[in-house]
Amino acid sequence: MQELRAGDWVKDKRDGMKNPITQLKENCIFLTHPEDCGDIYELWKPTEGDWCWFWDPGTKLPPILAKFTVMYREYYGSTKNASGEHSFYKCEPYLGELPSMLKDK
């Protein structure tokens, strides 16, 4: 049994969904029955070129909006610039809104 937790970003696996990425409001347990969430959702993972919000918890720096490049162990890499690749501990998809860490405040 696998569990997705409230706050996880997931993709809706059903065909024809207009907005397939969403943030779970409550825990969801994957079971083997077709009516369970395991047939509907899968954990969202960024792919190269996806626009994402990046930040590090516990810092006063605001989140940045940038393209995802690569995963470094537990860190998410964002765009490269003259000073090199930037890595962040948190990442969520850009869906045309503020990141969840700012919307809740």
Protein backbone atom coordinates (compact mmCIF):
# COMPACT_ATOMS: atom_id res chain seq x y z
CA MET A 1 0.00 0.00 0.00
CA GLN A 2 1.33 3.45 -0.96
CA GLU A 3 0.06 6.73 0.47
CA LEU A 4 -0.05 10.26 -0.84
CA ARG A 5 -0.27 12.90 1.85
CA ALA A 6 -2.27 16.10 2.06
CA GLY A 7 -0.20 18.82 0.38
CA ASP A 8 1.43 16.49 -2.18
CA TRP A 9 1.26 17.61 -5.81
CA VAL A 10 -0.30 14.94 -8.01
CA LYS A 11 -1.19 14.40 -11.66
CA ASP A 12 -4.64 13.20 -12.63
CA LYS A 13 -4.21 10.10 -14.81
CA ARG A 14 -7.72 10.24 -16.31
CA ASP A 15 -7.92 11.19 -20.00
CA GLY A 16 -9.37 14.55 -20.95
CA MET A 17 -8.52 16.44 -17.77
CA LYS A 18 -8.02 20.16 -18.45
CA ASN A 19 -5.92 20.79 -15.34
CA PRO A 20 -4.23 17.50 -14.51
CA ILE A 21 -1.97 18.80 -11.70
CA THR A 22 -3.48 19.50 -8.29
CA GLN A 23 -2.51 19.61 -4.63
CA LEU A 24 -4.18 16.99 -2.44
CA LYS A 25 -6.40 18.33 0.32
CA GLU A 26 -6.39 15.07 2.32
CA ASN A 27 -4.41 11.83 2.54
CA CYS A 28 -5.04 9.28 -0.20
CA ILE A 29 -4.14 5.59 0.06
CA PHE A 30 -3.41 3.51 -3.04
CA LEU A 31 -5.17 0.19 -2.95
CA THR A 32 -5.82 -2.35 -5.70
CA HIS A 33 -9.48 -1.47 -6.27
CA PRO A 34 -10.40 0.62 -9.36
CA GLU A 35 -12.45 3.11 -7.35
CA ASP A 36 -9.49 4.11 -5.16
CA CYS A 37 -7.22 7.08 -5.74
CA GLY A 38 -4.38 4.93 -7.09
CA ASP A 39 -6.24 4.69 -10.38
CA ILE A 40 -6.75 8.45 -10.47
CA TYR A 41 -3.57 10.10 -9.14
CA GLU A 42 0.17 9.73 -9.40
CA LEU A 43 2.78 11.81 -7.60
CA TRP A 44 3.83 14.83 -9.70
CA LYS A 45 7.51 15.10 -10.54
CA PRO A 46 8.91 17.97 -12.58
CA THR A 47 10.42 17.27 -15.98
CA GLU A 48 13.11 19.29 -17.72
CA GLY A 49 11.71 22.61 -18.92
CA ASP A 50 8.68 22.72 -16.59
CA TRP A 51 8.00 26.11 -15.01
CA CYS A 52 8.09 25.71 -11.24
CA TRP A 53 8.22 27.66 -8.00
CA PHE A 54 11.44 26.98 -6.05
CA TRP A 55 12.35 27.89 -2.46
CA ASP A 56 14.17 26.76 0.65
CA PRO A 57 12.14 26.56 3.88
CA GLY A 58 13.53 28.44 6.84
CA THR A 59 15.07 31.24 4.77
CA LYS A 60 13.75 34.75 4.29
CA LEU A 61 14.32 34.61 0.55
CA PRO A 62 11.12 34.62 -1.49
CA PRO A 63 10.32 31.77 -3.89
CA ILE A 64 11.51 32.15 -7.46
CA LEU A 65 9.77 31.16 -10.68
CA ALA A 66 12.13 29.33 -13.04
CA LYS A 67 12.40 26.36 -15.37
CA PHE A 68 13.28 23.00 -13.83
CA THR A 69 16.52 21.49 -15.13
CA VAL A 70 17.57 18.48 -13.07
CA MET A 71 17.29 16.74 -9.68
CA TYR A 72 20.41 16.73 -7.44
CA ARG A 73 19.81 14.06 -4.81
CA GLU A 74 17.03 15.63 -2.71
CA TYR A 75 17.41 19.09 -4.31
CA TYR A 76 15.65 20.55 -7.35
CA GLY A 77 17.78 22.42 -9.89
CA SER A 78 16.40 25.52 -11.52
CA THR A 79 17.72 27.69 -14.33
CA LYS A 80 21.39 28.28 -14.96
CA ASN A 81 22.84 31.76 -15.01
CA ALA A 82 26.30 33.33 -14.95
CA SER A 83 26.86 32.13 -11.38
CA GLY A 84 25.90 28.53 -12.20
CA GLU A 85 23.07 26.17 -11.36
CA HIS A 86 20.79 26.99 -8.44
CA SER A 87 19.39 24.24 -6.21
CA PHE A 88 16.39 24.39 -3.88
CA TYR A 89 14.83 22.06 -1.35
CA LYS A 90 11.20 22.73 -2.34
CA CYS A 91 9.55 22.74 -5.75
CA GLU A 92 5.95 22.90 -6.93
CA PRO A 93 4.41 23.33 -10.38
CA TYR A 94 3.62 26.79 -11.74
CA LEU A 95 -0.12 26.82 -12.49
CA GLY A 96 -0.58 30.55 -13.04
CA GLU A 97 -0.88 31.33 -9.34
CA LEU A 98 1.29 32.22 -6.36
CA PRO A 99 3.05 29.24 -4.74
CA SER A 100 1.10 27.55 -1.96
CA MET A 101 3.54 28.81 0.69
CA LEU A 102 2.51 32.40 -0.14
CA LYS A 103 -1.20 31.83 -0.83
CA ASP A 104 -1.75 30.54 2.68
CA LYS A 105 -0.38 33.72 4.31
